[in-house]
């Protein structure tokens, strides 16, 4: 017996916005990354490249006893994007 799915309900629960990219001073950041950076008051608008943002994130991680999983996650996604954008192929 095949299970029926309510497609409209499934699609309405998908968050298409958080993964959308924004161009901030020539750097591509997702809405989710921006939200987490804002939550931690990381001044990403003043940074000129992704490495500077990663540095700011690492400073907070090193100064904090408890690290939010979201902060750790966006640090790794930004680092990965920086690697692929700035590594000679």
Protein backbone atom coordinates (compact mmCIF):
# COMPACT_ATOMS: atom_id res chain seq x y z
CA UNK A 1 0.00 0.00 0.00
CA UNK A 2 1.43 3.37 -1.05
CA UNK A 3 1.46 6.16 1.52
CA UNK A 4 -0.18 9.45 0.54
CA UNK A 5 1.56 12.75 1.26
CA UNK A 6 0.06 16.20 1.50
CA UNK A 7 2.46 18.01 -0.85
CA UNK A 8 1.10 21.47 0.00
CA UNK A 9 1.71 20.85 3.70
CA UNK A 10 5.23 19.52 3.10
CA UNK A 11 6.21 22.43 0.84
CA UNK A 12 4.77 25.03 3.21
CA UNK A 13 7.11 23.73 5.96
CA UNK A 14 10.29 24.14 3.87
CA UNK A 15 12.38 27.19 4.68
CA UNK A 16 13.61 28.45 1.32
CA UNK A 17 14.76 31.81 2.72
CA UNK A 18 17.47 30.83 5.23
CA UNK A 19 19.74 29.41 2.52
CA UNK A 20 19.42 32.41 0.23
CA UNK A 21 22.61 34.37 -0.30
CA UNK A 22 23.09 38.08 0.35
CA UNK A 23 25.99 40.08 -1.04
CA UNK A 24 27.59 41.90 1.90
CA UNK A 25 30.58 44.01 0.77
CA UNK A 26 31.32 41.50 -1.98
CA UNK A 27 31.05 38.51 0.39
CA UNK A 28 28.30 35.98 -0.06
CA UNK A 29 26.55 35.09 3.21
CA UNK A 30 23.33 33.16 3.68
CA UNK A 31 20.41 34.64 5.58
CA UNK A 32 20.97 31.97 8.26
CA UNK A 33 24.63 32.97 8.64
CA UNK A 34 23.67 36.64 8.86
CA UNK A 35 21.06 35.87 11.53
CA UNK A 36 23.62 34.00 13.67
CA UNK A 37 26.28 36.70 13.16
CA UNK A 38 23.73 39.33 14.22
CA UNK A 39 22.76 37.27 17.28
CA UNK A 40 26.38 37.27 18.44
CA UNK A 41 26.90 40.91 17.43
CA UNK A 42 29.73 39.95 15.07
CA UNK A 43 30.53 43.03 12.94
CA UNK A 44 30.56 41.21 9.59
CA UNK A 45 29.63 44.45 7.77
CA UNK A 46 33.07 45.86 8.72
CA UNK A 47 34.93 42.79 7.43
CA UNK A 48 36.50 42.88 3.98
CA UNK A 49 36.71 39.11 3.43
CA UNK A 50 35.41 35.80 4.75
CA UNK A 51 38.64 35.10 6.65
CA UNK A 52 38.02 38.17 8.81
CA UNK A 53 34.52 36.92 9.63
CA UNK A 54 35.94 33.51 10.54
CA UNK A 55 38.49 35.25 12.79
CA UNK A 56 35.70 37.17 14.57
CA UNK A 57 33.73 33.94 15.06
CA UNK A 58 36.80 32.12 16.42
CA UNK A 59 37.41 34.97 18.90
CA UNK A 60 33.91 34.48 20.32
CA UNK A 61 34.28 30.70 20.39
CA UNK A 62 37.63 30.98 22.20
CA UNK A 63 36.27 33.52 24.72
CA UNK A 64 33.10 31.56 25.46
CA UNK A 65 32.59 28.64 27.80
CA UNK A 66 29.55 27.43 25.89
CA UNK A 67 29.54 27.38 22.12
CA UNK A 68 26.25 27.53 20.27
CA UNK A 69 26.04 24.81 17.62
CA UNK A 70 24.78 27.41 15.14
CA UNK A 71 27.92 29.51 15.57
CA UNK A 72 30.17 26.50 15.11
CA UNK A 73 28.17 25.40 12.06
CA UNK A 74 28.30 28.76 10.26
CA UNK A 75 32.02 29.01 11.02
CA UNK A 76 32.54 25.77 9.12
CA UNK A 77 30.23 26.72 6.22
CA UNK A 78 31.92 30.11 5.78
CA UNK A 79 35.38 28.50 6.00
CA UNK A 80 34.40 25.94 3.36
CA UNK A 81 33.04 28.65 1.05
CA UNK A 82 36.20 30.71 1.55
CA UNK A 83 38.35 27.69 0.72
CA UNK A 84 36.52 26.93 -2.54
CA UNK A 85 36.34 30.57 -3.61
CA UNK A 86 39.96 31.43 -2.86
CA UNK A 87 41.93 28.28 -3.59
CA UNK A 88 43.73 28.15 -6.93
CA UNK A 89 42.41 25.32 -9.01
